[in-house]
Amino acid sequence: MDKPVFSETDVITIPELAKRLKIDKQKAYDIVNERGCPLYDLGGERQKRLIWGDFLDWFRQRYRAASGS
C-alpha cells in the first residue's frame, strides 16, 4: 500500500489530524488544546483547523523523537 503524501500547506480538521498521527480523536483534541498549538478557530462549532506544516513544526519542538535505547 502506498504511503499517503501530505503537503505542508494542507488545511486539516482535528479528526484528520488524528488519522494522520494514527491516534484516537480524543488524544488529538488533547494535543491541539495544549498551549502554543497553531490551531485556527474559524468560528462556530467544528470549525477549528490546522495547517499541517505549522502543526508539524510545533509538534517536533514540543515532543521529542523516541530514542532507540
PDB file of N, CA and C in Angstrom:
ATOM      1  N   MET A   1       0.841  -1.175   0.000  1.00  0.00           N
ATOM      2  CA  MET A   1       0.000   0.000   0.000  1.00  0.00           C
ATOM      3  C   MET A   1       0.887   1.241   0.000  1.00  0.00           C
ATOM      4  N   ASP A   2       0.531   2.208  -0.847  1.00  0.00           N
ATOM      5  CA  ASP A   2       1.310   3.431  -0.942  1.00  0.00           C
ATOM      6  C   ASP A   2       1.094   4.309   0.275  1.00  0.00           C
ATOM      7  N   LYS A   3       2.165   4.961   0.687  1.00  0.00           N
ATOM      8  CA  LYS A   3       2.099   5.894   1.805  1.00  0.00           C
ATOM      9  C   LYS A   3       1.456   7.192   1.307  1.00  0.00           C
ATOM     10  N   PRO A   4       0.503   7.754   2.065  1.00  0.00           N
ATOM     11  CA  PRO A   4      -0.130   9.000   1.613  1.00  0.00           C
ATOM     12  C   PRO A   4       0.871  10.141   1.570  1.00  0.00           C
ATOM     13  N   VAL A   5       0.671  11.038   0.631  1.00  0.00           N
ATOM     14  CA  VAL A   5       1.542  12.207   0.500  1.00  0.00           C
ATOM     15  C   VAL A   5       0.789  13.409   1.058  1.00  0.00           C
ATOM     16  N   PHE A   6       1.400  14.053   2.044  1.00  0.00           N
ATOM     17  CA  PHE A   6       0.785  15.220   2.672  1.00  0.00           C
ATOM     18  C   PHE A   6       1.575  16.452   2.296  1.00  0.00           C
ATOM     19  N   SER A   7       0.878  17.528   2.017  1.00  0.00           N
ATOM     20  CA  SER A   7       1.502  18.800   1.700  1.00  0.00           C
ATOM     21  C   SER A   7       1.629  19.630   2.970  1.00  0.00           C
ATOM     22  N   GLU A   8       2.702  20.395   3.068  1.00  0.00           N
ATOM     23  CA  GLU A   8       2.912  21.283   4.213  1.00  0.00           C
ATOM     24  C   GLU A   8       1.795  22.315   4.315  1.00  0.00           C
ATOM     25  N   THR A   9       1.120  22.614   3.199  1.00  0.00           N
ATOM     26  CA  THR A   9       0.092  23.647   3.193  1.00  0.00           C
ATOM     27  C   THR A   9      -1.327  23.094   3.358  1.00  0.00           C
ATOM     28  N   ASP A  10      -1.461  21.791   3.571  1.00  0.00           N
ATOM     29  CA  ASP A  10      -2.790  21.203   3.787  1.00  0.00           C
ATOM     30  C   ASP A  10      -3.456  21.840   4.996  1.00  0.00           C
ATOM     31  N   VAL A  11      -4.718  22.205   4.852  1.00  0.00           N
ATOM     32  CA  VAL A  11      -5.531  22.678   5.966  1.00  0.00           C
ATOM     33  C   VAL A  11      -6.389  21.499   6.390  1.00  0.00           C
ATOM     34  N   ILE A  12      -6.265  21.097   7.654  1.00  0.00           N
ATOM     35  CA  ILE A  12      -6.923  19.873   8.103  1.00  0.00           C
ATOM     36  C   ILE A  12      -7.754  20.106   9.362  1.00  0.00           C
ATOM     37  N   THR A  13      -8.697  19.198   9.575  1.00  0.00           N
ATOM     38  CA  THR A  13      -9.528  19.207  10.777  1.00  0.00           C
ATOM     39  C   THR A  13      -8.844  18.373  11.855  1.00  0.00           C
ATOM     40  N   ILE A  14      -9.378  18.444  13.052  1.00  0.00           N
ATOM     41  CA  ILE A  14      -8.815  17.649  14.141  1.00  0.00           C
ATOM     42  C   ILE A  14      -9.012  16.148  13.897  1.00  0.00           C
ATOM     43  N   PRO A  15     -10.176  15.695  13.413  1.00  0.00           N
ATOM     44  CA  PRO A  15     -10.287  14.260  13.082  1.00  0.00           C
ATOM     45  C   PRO A  15      -9.281  13.826  11.997  1.00  0.00           C
ATOM     46  N   GLU A  16      -9.005  14.704  11.024  1.00  0.00           N
ATOM     47  CA  GLU A  16      -7.994  14.373  10.013  1.00  0.00           C
ATOM     48  C   GLU A  16      -6.608  14.294  10.647  1.00  0.00           C
ATOM     49  N   LEU A  17      -6.344  15.166  11.607  1.00  0.00           N
ATOM     50  CA  LEU A  17      -5.073  15.118  12.336  1.00  0.00           C
ATOM     51  C   LEU A  17      -4.921  13.776  13.038  1.00  0.00           C
ATOM     52  N   ALA A  18      -5.989  13.331  13.686  1.00  0.00           N
ATOM     53  CA  ALA A  18      -5.947  12.039  14.381  1.00  0.00           C
ATOM     54  C   ALA A  18      -5.590  10.909  13.418  1.00  0.00           C
ATOM     55  N   LYS A  19      -6.175  10.932  12.233  1.00  0.00           N
ATOM     56  CA  LYS A  19      -5.870   9.895  11.240  1.00  0.00           C
ATOM     57  C   LYS A  19      -4.412   9.961  10.802  1.00  0.00           C
ATOM     58  N   ARG A  20      -3.904  11.177  10.570  1.00  0.00           N
ATOM     59  CA  ARG A  20      -2.515  11.326  10.127  1.00  0.00           C
ATOM     60  C   ARG A  20      -1.526  10.871  11.192  1.00  0.00           C
ATOM     61  N   LEU A  21      -1.833  11.147  12.450  1.00  0.00           N
ATOM     62  CA  LEU A  21      -0.940  10.756  13.539  1.00  0.00           C
ATOM     63  C   LEU A  21      -1.200   9.330  14.022  1.00  0.00           C
ATOM     64  N   LYS A  22      -2.276   8.725  13.511  1.00  0.00           N
ATOM     65  CA  LYS A  22      -2.666   7.361  13.900  1.00  0.00           C
ATOM     66  C   LYS A  22      -2.906   7.264  15.405  1.00  0.00           C
ATOM     67  N   ILE A  23      -3.716   8.230  15.885  1.00  0.00           N
ATOM     68  CA  ILE A  23      -4.115   8.264  17.287  1.00  0.00           C
ATOM     69  C   ILE A  23      -5.627   8.432  17.329  1.00  0.00           C
ATOM     70  N   ASP A  24      -6.217   8.216  18.521  1.00  0.00           N
ATOM     71  CA  ASP A  24      -7.670   8.403  18.594  1.00  0.00           C
ATOM     72  C   ASP A  24      -8.002   9.891  18.641  1.00  0.00           C
ATOM     73  N   LYS A  25      -9.243  10.199  18.300  1.00  0.00           N
ATOM     74  CA  LYS A  25      -9.671  11.598  18.197  1.00  0.00           C
ATOM     75  C   LYS A  25      -9.506  12.352  19.510  1.00  0.00           C
ATOM     76  N   GLN A  26      -9.798  11.695  20.630  1.00  0.00           N
ATOM     77  CA  GLN A  26      -9.688  12.385  21.920  1.00  0.00           C
ATOM     78  C   GLN A  26      -8.249  12.820  22.185  1.00  0.00           C
ATOM     79  N   LYS A  27      -7.282  11.970  21.863  1.00  0.00           N
ATOM     80  CA  LYS A  27      -5.873  12.335  22.040  1.00  0.00           C
ATOM     81  C   LYS A  27      -5.523  13.525  21.136  1.00  0.00           C
ATOM     82  N   ALA A  28      -6.045  13.545  19.911  1.00  0.00           N
ATOM     83  CA  ALA A  28      -5.802  14.673  19.003  1.00  0.00           C
ATOM     84  C   ALA A  28      -6.361  15.960  19.597  1.00  0.00           C
ATOM     85  N   TYR A  29      -7.562  15.887  20.158  1.00  0.00           N
ATOM     86  CA  TYR A  29      -8.155  17.067  20.801  1.00  0.00           C
ATOM     87  C   TYR A  29      -7.305  17.509  21.993  1.00  0.00           C
ATOM     88  N   ASP A  30      -6.791  16.554  22.762  1.00  0.00           N
ATOM     89  CA  ASP A  30      -5.916  16.895  23.895  1.00  0.00           C
ATOM     90  C   ASP A  30      -4.666  17.626  23.407  1.00  0.00           C
ATOM     91  N   ILE A  31      -4.082  17.142  22.318  1.00  0.00           N
ATOM     92  CA  ILE A  31      -2.860  17.750  21.782  1.00  0.00           C
ATOM     93  C   ILE A  31      -3.128  19.175  21.301  1.00  0.00           C
ATOM     94  N   VAL A  32      -4.194  19.377  20.529  1.00  0.00           N
ATOM     95  CA  VAL A  32      -4.438  20.718  19.978  1.00  0.00           C
ATOM     96  C   VAL A  32      -4.856  21.716  21.046  1.00  0.00           C
ATOM     97  N   ASN A  33      -5.279  21.239  22.208  1.00  0.00           N
ATOM     98  CA  ASN A  33      -5.616  22.146  23.301  1.00  0.00           C
ATOM     99  C   ASN A  33      -4.405  22.529  24.148  1.00  0.00           C
ATOM    100  N   GLU A  34      -3.240  21.983  23.810  1.00  0.00           N
ATOM    101  CA  GLU A  34      -2.027  22.357  24.527  1.00  0.00           C
ATOM    102  C   GLU A  34      -1.608  23.775  24.139  1.00  0.00           C
ATOM    103  N   ARG A  35      -0.987  24.426  25.083  1.00  0.00           N
ATOM    104  CA  ARG A  35      -0.535  25.807  24.875  1.00  0.00           C
ATOM    105  C   ARG A  35       0.408  25.897  23.668  1.00  0.00           C
ATOM    106  N   GLY A  36       0.129  26.865  22.813  1.00  0.00           N
ATOM    107  CA  GLY A  36       1.006  27.131  21.677  1.00  0.00           C
ATOM    108  C   GLY A  36       0.682  26.378  20.401  1.00  0.00           C
ATOM    109  N   CYS A  37      -0.239  25.427  20.487  1.00  0.00           N
ATOM    110  CA  CYS A  37      -0.586  24.680  19.278  1.00  0.00           C
ATOM    111  C   CYS A  37      -1.195  25.652  18.253  1.00  0.00           C
ATOM    112  N   PRO A  38      -0.710  25.600  17.006  1.00  0.00           N
ATOM    113  CA  PRO A  38      -1.174  26.538  15.978  1.00  0.00           C
ATOM    114  C   PRO A  38      -2.547  26.170  15.409  1.00  0.00           C
ATOM    115  N   LEU A  39      -3.565  26.347  16.227  1.00  0.00           N
ATOM    116  CA  LEU A  39      -4.933  25.991  15.880  1.00  0.00           C
ATOM    117  C   LEU A  39      -5.692  27.250  15.478  1.00  0.00           C
ATOM    118  N   TYR A  40      -6.370  27.199  14.358  1.00  0.00           N
ATOM    119  CA  TYR A  40      -7.151  28.330  13.861  1.00  0.00           C
ATOM    120  C   TYR A  40      -8.624  28.064  14.124  1.00  0.00           C
ATOM    121  N   ASP A  41      -9.285  29.028  14.744  1.00  0.00           N
ATOM    122  CA  ASP A  41     -10.712  28.911  15.028  1.00  0.00           C
ATOM    123  C   ASP A  41     -11.460  29.785  14.034  1.00  0.00           C
ATOM    124  N   LEU A  42     -12.213  29.159  13.146  1.00  0.00           N
ATOM    125  CA  LEU A  42     -12.940  29.875  12.107  1.00  0.00           C
ATOM    126  C   LEU A  42     -14.324  30.312  12.572  1.00  0.00           C
ATOM    127  N   GLY A  43     -14.615  30.067  13.828  1.00  0.00           N
ATOM    128  CA  GLY A  43     -15.903  30.462  14.386  1.00  0.00           C
ATOM    129  C   GLY A  43     -16.919  29.347  14.292  1.00  0.00           C
ATOM    130  N   GLY A  44     -17.678  29.187  15.330  1.00  0.00           N
ATOM    131  CA  GLY A  44     -18.701  28.150  15.329  1.00  0.00           C
ATOM    132  C   GLY A  44     -18.147  26.798  15.736  1.00  0.00           C
ATOM    133  N   GLU A  45     -19.098  25.893  16.016  1.00  0.00           N
ATOM    134  CA  GLU A  45     -18.708  24.532  16.379  1.00  0.00           C
ATOM    135  C   GLU A  45     -18.060  23.818  15.206  1.00  0.00           C
ATOM    136  N   ARG A  46     -17.113  22.984  15.491  1.00  0.00           N
ATOM    137  CA  ARG A  46     -16.459  22.134  14.491  1.00  0.00           C
ATOM    138  C   ARG A  46     -15.790  22.941  13.379  1.00  0.00           C
ATOM    139  N   GLN A  47     -15.300  24.126  13.719  1.00  0.00           N
ATOM    140  CA  GLN A  47     -14.661  24.976  12.722  1.00  0.00           C
ATOM    141  C   GLN A  47     -13.205  25.279  13.058  1.00  0.00           C
ATOM    142  N   LYS A  48     -12.560  24.377  13.774  1.00  0.00           N
ATOM    143  CA  LYS A  48     -11.153  24.556  14.098  1.00  0.00           C
ATOM    144  C   LYS A  48     -10.308  23.840  13.046  1.00  0.00           C
ATOM    145  N   ARG A  49      -9.226  24.485  12.617  1.00  0.00           N
ATOM    146  CA  ARG A  49      -8.381  23.939  11.556  1.00  0.00           C
ATOM    147  C   ARG A  49      -6.914  24.109  11.916  1.00  0.00           C
ATOM    148  N   LEU A  50      -6.097  23.269  11.313  1.00  0.00           N
ATOM    149  CA  LEU A  50      -4.646  23.331  11.444  1.00  0.00           C
ATOM    150  C   LEU A  50      -4.038  23.379  10.060  1.00  0.00           C
ATOM    151  N   ILE A  51      -2.940  24.068   9.950  1.00  0.00           N
ATOM    152  CA  ILE A  51      -2.129  23.981   8.734  1.00  0.00           C
ATOM    153  C   ILE A  51      -1.062  22.934   9.040  1.00  0.00           C
ATOM    154  N   TRP A  52      -1.032  21.884   8.255  1.00  0.00           N
ATOM    155  CA  TRP A  52      -0.218  20.710   8.530  1.00  0.00           C
ATOM    156  C   TRP A  52       1.236  21.070   8.806  1.00  0.00           C
ATOM    157  N   GLY A  53       1.847  21.902   7.988  1.00  0.00           N
ATOM    158  CA  GLY A  53       3.253  22.261   8.174  1.00  0.00           C
ATOM    159  C   GLY A  53       3.496  23.013   9.470  1.00  0.00           C
ATOM    160  N   ASP A  54       2.608  23.949   9.807  1.00  0.00           N
ATOM    161  CA  ASP A  54       2.734  24.693  11.067  1.00  0.00           C
ATOM    162  C   ASP A  54       2.611  23.742  12.255  1.00  0.00           C
ATOM    163  N   PHE A  55       1.643  22.830  12.158  1.00  0.00           N
ATOM    164  CA  PHE A  55       1.461  21.865  13.235  1.00  0.00           C
ATOM    165  C   PHE A  55       2.704  20.998  13.397  1.00  0.00           C
ATOM    166  N   LEU A  56       3.255  20.504  12.289  1.00  0.00           N
ATOM    167  CA  LEU A  56       4.433  19.641  12.377  1.00  0.00           C
ATOM    168  C   LEU A  56       5.608  20.356  13.031  1.00  0.00           C
ATOM    169  N   ASP A  57       5.820  21.620  12.671  1.00  0.00           N
ATOM    170  CA  ASP A  57       6.906  22.386  13.288  1.00  0.00           C
ATOM    171  C   ASP A  57       6.707  22.469  14.798  1.00  0.00           C
ATOM    172  N   TRP A  58       5.498  22.812  15.216  1.00  0.00           N
ATOM    173  CA  TRP A  58       5.192  22.919  16.640  1.00  0.00           C
ATOM    174  C   TRP A  58       5.337  21.560  17.317  1.00  0.00           C
ATOM    175  N   PHE A  59       4.794  20.528  16.696  1.00  0.00           N
ATOM    176  CA  PHE A  59       4.812  19.179  17.256  1.00  0.00           C
ATOM    177  C   PHE A  59       6.242  18.688  17.461  1.00  0.00           C
ATOM    178  N   ARG A  60       7.100  18.921  16.480  1.00  0.00           N
ATOM    179  CA  ARG A  60       8.504  18.492  16.583  1.00  0.00           C
ATOM    180  C   ARG A  60       9.231  19.211  17.710  1.00  0.00           C
ATOM    181  N   GLN A  61       8.896  20.458  17.947  1.00  0.00           N
ATOM    182  CA  GLN A  61       9.518  21.192  19.044  1.00  0.00           C
ATOM    183  C   GLN A  61       8.968  20.744  20.393  1.00  0.00           C
ATOM    184  N   ARG A  62       7.717  20.419  20.430  1.00  0.00           N
ATOM    185  CA  ARG A  62       7.029  20.064  21.681  1.00  0.00           C
ATOM    186  C   ARG A  62       7.344  18.645  22.138  1.00  0.00           C
ATOM    187  N   TYR A  63       7.403  17.745  21.208  1.00  0.00           N
ATOM    188  CA  TYR A  63       7.624  16.332  21.521  1.00  0.00           C
ATOM    189  C   TYR A  63       8.933  15.881  20.920  1.00  0.00           C
ATOM    190  N   ARG A  64       9.686  15.158  21.691  1.00  0.00           N
ATOM    191  CA  ARG A  64      10.954  14.662  21.165  1.00  0.00           C
ATOM    192  C   ARG A  64      10.756  13.281  20.558  1.00  0.00           C
ATOM    193  N   ALA A  65      11.616  12.966  19.620  1.00  0.00           N
ATOM    194  CA  ALA A  65      11.546  11.651  18.980  1.00  0.00           C
ATOM    195  C   ALA A  65      11.904  10.565  19.992  1.00  0.00           C
ATOM    196  N   ALA A  66      11.242   9.437  19.881  1.00  0.00           N
ATOM    197  CA  ALA A  66      11.554   8.308  20.753  1.00  0.00           C
ATOM    198  C   ALA A  66      12.936   7.776  20.389  1.00  0.00           C
ATOM    199  N   SER A  67      13.734   7.517  21.391  1.00  0.00           N
ATOM    200  CA  SER A  67      15.081   7.007  21.115  1.00  0.00           C
ATOM    201  C   SER A  67      15.054   5.488  21.064  1.00  0.00           C
ATOM    202  N   GLY A  68      16.024   4.951  20.399  1.00  0.00           N
ATOM    203  CA  GLY A  68      16.127   3.511  20.250  1.00  0.00           C
ATOM    204  C   GLY A  68      16.741   2.825  21.471  1.00  0.00           C
ATOM    205  N   SER A  69      17.183   3.600  22.449  1.00  0.00           N
ATOM    206  CA  SER A  69      17.837   2.986  23.617  1.00  0.00           C
ATOM    207  C   SER A  69      16.938   2.788  24.785  1.00  0.00           C
TER     208      SER A  69
END
